[in-house]
Structures are given as structure tokens and as C-alpha cells.
Amino acid sequence: MQEMSDAAILLQIAQGDMSAFRELMVRYEPRIYHFSLKLVRSEELAEEITQDAFIRLWESRETIGSIESVGAWLHTLTKNRALNMIREKAARYAREEKYAGMAELQVAPEEDINLKDYMRIVNDLVAQLPPKRKEIFLLKTREGLTIEEIGRLLDLSPHTVKNQLGKSYLTMRQLMSDLIYMLLVTLLF
């Protein structure tokens, strides 16, 4: 099986061939592990991300025929999973800091600056949304209006509002993902 191309191996995996799957893991597991290790800087998390990538490949074996480059697909999947883990850790850390900070009545000046910096970044990301989506997004997130209220206010159907919110969240996640990835790359290199 060593001489087989990735495309041929993918075809066999699509048919449920476990030995082909093992062969693909032998080819790519070390690269994926080292790539994820660079991103998360934790052997334990890198192992988890690597396992997740191959589990995802196996679980989507019926549709892997559309994958043009296994390496690129696995790297993208790994990058996204690593970024999600980093976001989860950052959110957990932020929650812990928030609750730990509740004991302190005064906000330290540097924390106030950090909060302002974060808000500026979020505002910059929101500014990149198309005008109507930005308006809907702000009405939902800042004003706390329901989908129905936004629809009535802007004379849009609830379905349109929900659709535009979904696209806004997707865009924001992608922009944040790109920003976090660029920050990580900058820190790593």
C-alpha cells in the first residue's frame, strides 16, 4: 500500500477499508501532531487534536471523495480545531478571571485598558460586516432585541433576520479565527 496515492487510499477508506485508513494515519499523523503542537504548545492537546482530525476523517469517509489534498484538508481541520480549543481555553480563562475579579471591588487600570482593547477589536470586527447585517447584529447583541422585534423594526421577516444573524455570526467567527491565527503565527515565529 506504500506506493498507493492518497487519492487511491481515500477511495478505499470511502469503502470502509480500515487498513487504508491506518496507512493514511501512518503517512500524516506525525505531521498533523507536530503542526497542532506548534499551535497549542501542549502535547496532551496536540494528541487530542490529532486524534480528532483522524476521527473526523473516518466519520466523513462517505464524502471524502471531494477532498483534493488530504494534507491540506487535515491541516485546515487541525488549525480550526486548535483555534477552537484556544478560544475555549481563553473563554474559560476569561470566565475564571471574571469571577475571581468579582471579589475585588476595584478594577485595576491595566484590566480597564485590556477591556477597552478587546472592545475596540470586537468593534473593528463588527464594522467589517455589511451595513444591514451590522445593524441586525447590533440590535440583537447590544440592544438585546428578539428576532421578531428586529423583524418588525426593520420590516423584515423573522426568517430573513435569523438568516442574516447566522451569516453575521459565521463572519464574526471567521474574522476572529483569522485574527487569532495571525496572532498565534506572530507569537510562534
Protein backbone atom coordinates (compact mmCIF):
# COMPACT_ATOMS: atom_id res chain seq x y z
CA MET A 1 0.00 0.00 0.00
CA GLN A 2 3.09 2.25 0.26
CA GLU A 3 3.05 3.09 -3.45
CA MET A 4 -0.63 4.00 -3.48
CA SER A 5 -1.57 7.63 -3.96
CA ASP A 6 -3.56 9.48 -1.36
CA ALA A 7 -6.50 9.60 -3.76
CA ALA A 8 -6.49 5.80 -4.12
CA ILE A 9 -6.28 5.38 -0.36
CA LEU A 10 -9.20 7.82 0.08
CA LEU A 11 -11.28 5.73 -2.29
CA GLN A 12 -10.57 2.63 -0.21
CA ILE A 13 -11.36 4.48 3.01
CA ALA A 14 -14.64 5.63 1.47
CA GLN A 15 -15.47 1.95 1.08
CA GLY A 16 -14.72 1.35 4.77
CA ASP A 17 -11.22 -0.16 4.36
CA MET A 18 -9.63 0.16 7.82
CA SER A 19 -6.14 -0.85 6.57
CA ALA A 20 -6.21 2.05 4.10
CA PHE A 21 -7.20 4.35 6.95
CA ARG A 22 -4.26 3.06 9.03
CA GLU A 23 -1.93 3.69 6.08
CA LEU A 24 -3.16 7.28 5.79
CA MET A 25 -2.62 7.75 9.53
CA VAL A 26 0.93 6.44 9.23
CA ARG A 27 1.57 8.96 6.45
CA TYR A 28 0.04 12.02 8.09
CA GLU A 29 -0.18 11.55 11.85
CA PRO A 30 3.34 12.82 12.68
CA ARG A 31 2.90 15.95 10.54
CA ILE A 32 -0.52 16.71 11.96
CA TYR A 33 0.67 16.14 15.52
CA HIS A 34 3.67 18.48 15.12
CA PHE A 35 1.53 21.12 13.40
CA SER A 36 -1.04 21.06 16.21
CA LEU A 37 1.73 21.06 18.81
CA LYS A 38 3.08 24.28 17.29
CA LEU A 39 -0.37 25.82 17.55
CA VAL A 40 -1.39 24.77 21.06
CA ARG A 41 2.00 24.17 22.71
CA SER A 42 0.65 21.27 24.70
CA GLU A 43 1.44 17.64 23.97
CA GLU A 44 -1.82 16.47 25.50
CA LEU A 45 -3.93 18.90 23.46
CA ALA A 46 -1.90 18.17 20.32
CA GLU A 47 -2.60 14.46 20.72
CA GLU A 48 -6.31 15.14 21.22
CA ILE A 49 -6.47 17.40 18.17
CA THR A 50 -4.62 14.84 16.05
CA GLN A 51 -6.99 12.08 17.13
CA ASP A 52 -9.98 14.34 16.45
CA ALA A 53 -8.72 15.06 12.93
CA PHE A 54 -8.46 11.38 12.04
CA ILE A 55 -11.76 10.52 13.73
CA ARG A 56 -13.38 13.27 11.69
CA LEU A 57 -11.80 11.86 8.52
CA TRP A 58 -13.12 8.40 9.28
CA GLU A 59 -16.59 9.67 10.21
CA SER A 60 -16.85 11.60 6.95
CA ARG A 61 -15.43 8.80 4.81
CA GLU A 62 -18.52 8.65 2.57
CA THR A 63 -17.90 12.20 1.40
CA ILE A 64 -14.10 12.29 1.29
CA GLY A 65 -14.04 11.72 -2.45
CA SER A 66 -14.29 15.50 -2.84
CA ILE A 67 -11.04 16.08 -0.93
CA GLU A 68 -8.36 17.18 -3.38
CA SER A 69 -5.45 17.26 -0.95
CA VAL A 70 -5.54 15.13 2.18
CA GLY A 71 -2.66 17.03 3.74
CA ALA A 72 -4.31 20.41 3.19
CA TRP A 73 -7.67 19.10 4.42
CA LEU A 74 -6.13 17.66 7.59
CA HIS A 75 -4.09 20.83 8.22
CA THR A 76 -7.18 23.02 7.84
CA LEU A 77 -9.19 20.75 10.12
CA THR A 78 -6.34 20.72 12.64
CA LYS A 79 -5.94 24.51 12.53
CA ASN A 80 -9.68 25.01 13.09
CA ARG A 81 -9.80 22.51 15.95
CA ALA A 82 -6.73 24.09 17.56
CA LEU A 83 -8.22 27.56 17.27
CA ASN A 84 -11.47 26.33 18.77
CA MET A 85 -9.58 24.82 21.70
CA ILE A 86 -7.63 28.04 22.19
CA ARG A 87 -10.88 30.04 22.11
CA GLU A 88 -12.45 27.64 24.61
CA LYS A 89 -9.45 27.96 26.91
CA ALA A 90 -9.48 31.76 26.55
CA ALA A 91 -13.22 31.90 27.29
CA ARG A 92 -12.80 29.62 30.30
CA TYR A 93 -9.87 31.74 31.48
CA ALA A 94 -11.93 34.91 30.98
CA ARG A 95 -14.82 33.45 32.98
CA GLU A 96 -12.49 32.38 35.76
CA GLU A 97 -10.87 35.80 35.80
CA LYS A 98 -14.26 37.48 35.83
CA TYR A 99 -15.46 35.50 38.82
CA ALA A 100 -12.14 35.80 40.60
CA GLY A 101 -12.23 39.54 39.95
CA MET A 102 -15.69 39.84 41.46
CA ALA A 103 -14.06 39.55 44.85
CA GLU A 104 -12.12 42.70 44.07
CA LEU A 105 -14.28 45.80 44.11
CA GLN A 106 -11.82 47.93 42.20
CA VAL A 107 -10.72 47.34 38.64
CA ALA A 108 -7.02 47.68 38.12
CA PRO A 109 -6.09 50.26 35.47
CA GLU A 110 -4.38 47.65 33.24
CA GLU A 111 -7.54 45.48 33.27
CA ASP A 112 -9.56 48.50 32.19
CA ILE A 113 -7.14 49.05 29.31
CA ASN A 114 -7.37 45.36 28.30
CA LEU A 115 -11.15 45.51 28.29
CA LYS A 116 -11.03 48.65 26.15
CA ASP A 117 -8.59 46.92 23.78
CA TYR A 118 -10.85 43.88 23.47
CA MET A 119 -13.90 46.04 22.88
CA ARG A 120 -12.02 48.00 20.20
CA ILE A 121 -11.09 44.75 18.44
CA VAL A 122 -14.67 43.49 18.60
CA ASN A 123 -15.97 46.84 17.33
CA ASP A 124 -13.46 46.72 14.45
CA LEU A 125 -14.69 43.24 13.54
CA VAL A 126 -18.33 44.31 13.71
CA ALA A 127 -17.50 47.29 11.46
CA GLN A 128 -16.43 44.83 8.75
CA LEU A 129 -19.94 43.39 8.48
CA PRO A 130 -22.15 44.60 5.59
CA PRO A 131 -24.35 47.53 6.74
CA LYS A 132 -27.70 45.70 7.07
CA ARG A 133 -26.11 42.67 8.77
CA LYS A 134 -24.22 45.00 11.09
CA GLU A 135 -27.47 46.74 12.04
CA ILE A 136 -29.23 43.42 12.71
CA PHE A 137 -26.23 42.09 14.63
CA LEU A 138 -26.03 45.18 16.85
CA LEU A 139 -29.77 45.18 17.52
CA LYS A 140 -29.51 41.56 18.66
CA THR A 141 -26.23 41.69 20.61
CA ARG A 142 -26.17 45.22 22.01
CA GLU A 143 -29.85 46.07 22.26
CA GLY A 144 -30.99 42.57 23.17
CA LEU A 145 -33.92 42.59 20.79
CA THR A 146 -35.54 39.32 19.73
CA ILE A 147 -35.60 38.14 16.14
CA GLU A 148 -39.27 39.07 15.89
CA GLU A 149 -38.66 42.56 17.32
CA ILE A 150 -35.81 43.17 14.88
CA GLY A 151 -38.01 41.96 12.02
CA ARG A 152 -40.79 44.35 12.96
CA LEU A 153 -38.39 47.25 13.48
CA LEU A 154 -36.64 46.77 10.13
CA ASP A 155 -39.68 45.47 8.24
CA LEU A 156 -38.04 42.08 7.60
CA SER A 157 -39.36 38.57 8.01
CA PRO A 158 -38.09 36.65 11.07
CA HIS A 159 -36.56 34.13 8.66
CA THR A 160 -34.52 36.90 6.98
CA VAL A 161 -33.39 38.27 10.35
CA LYS A 162 -32.39 34.80 11.54
CA ASN A 163 -30.57 34.11 8.27
CA GLN A 164 -28.68 37.42 8.45
CA LEU A 165 -27.76 36.82 12.10
CA GLY A 166 -26.42 33.39 11.21
CA LYS A 167 -24.29 34.90 8.47
CA SER A 168 -23.11 37.61 10.87
CA TYR A 169 -22.07 35.07 13.49
CA LEU A 170 -20.30 33.00 10.84
CA THR A 171 -18.46 36.06 9.55
CA MET A 172 -17.52 37.15 13.07
CA ARG A 173 -16.24 33.66 13.91
CA GLN A 174 -14.17 33.60 10.72
CA LEU A 175 -12.77 37.09 11.33
CA MET A 176 -11.94 36.18 14.93
CA SER A 177 -10.44 32.88 13.82
CA ASP A 178 -8.25 34.67 11.27
CA LEU A 179 -7.22 37.25 13.87
CA ILE A 180 -6.37 34.62 16.48
CA TYR A 181 -4.49 32.56 13.89
CA MET A 182 -2.45 35.61 12.85
CA LEU A 183 -1.68 36.39 16.49
CA LEU A 184 -0.59 32.81 17.06
CA VAL A 185 1.59 32.77 13.98
CA THR A 186 3.13 36.04 15.08
CA LEU A 187 3.82 34.67 18.57
CA LEU A 188 5.16 31.34 17.30
CA PHE A 189 7.55 32.70 14.73
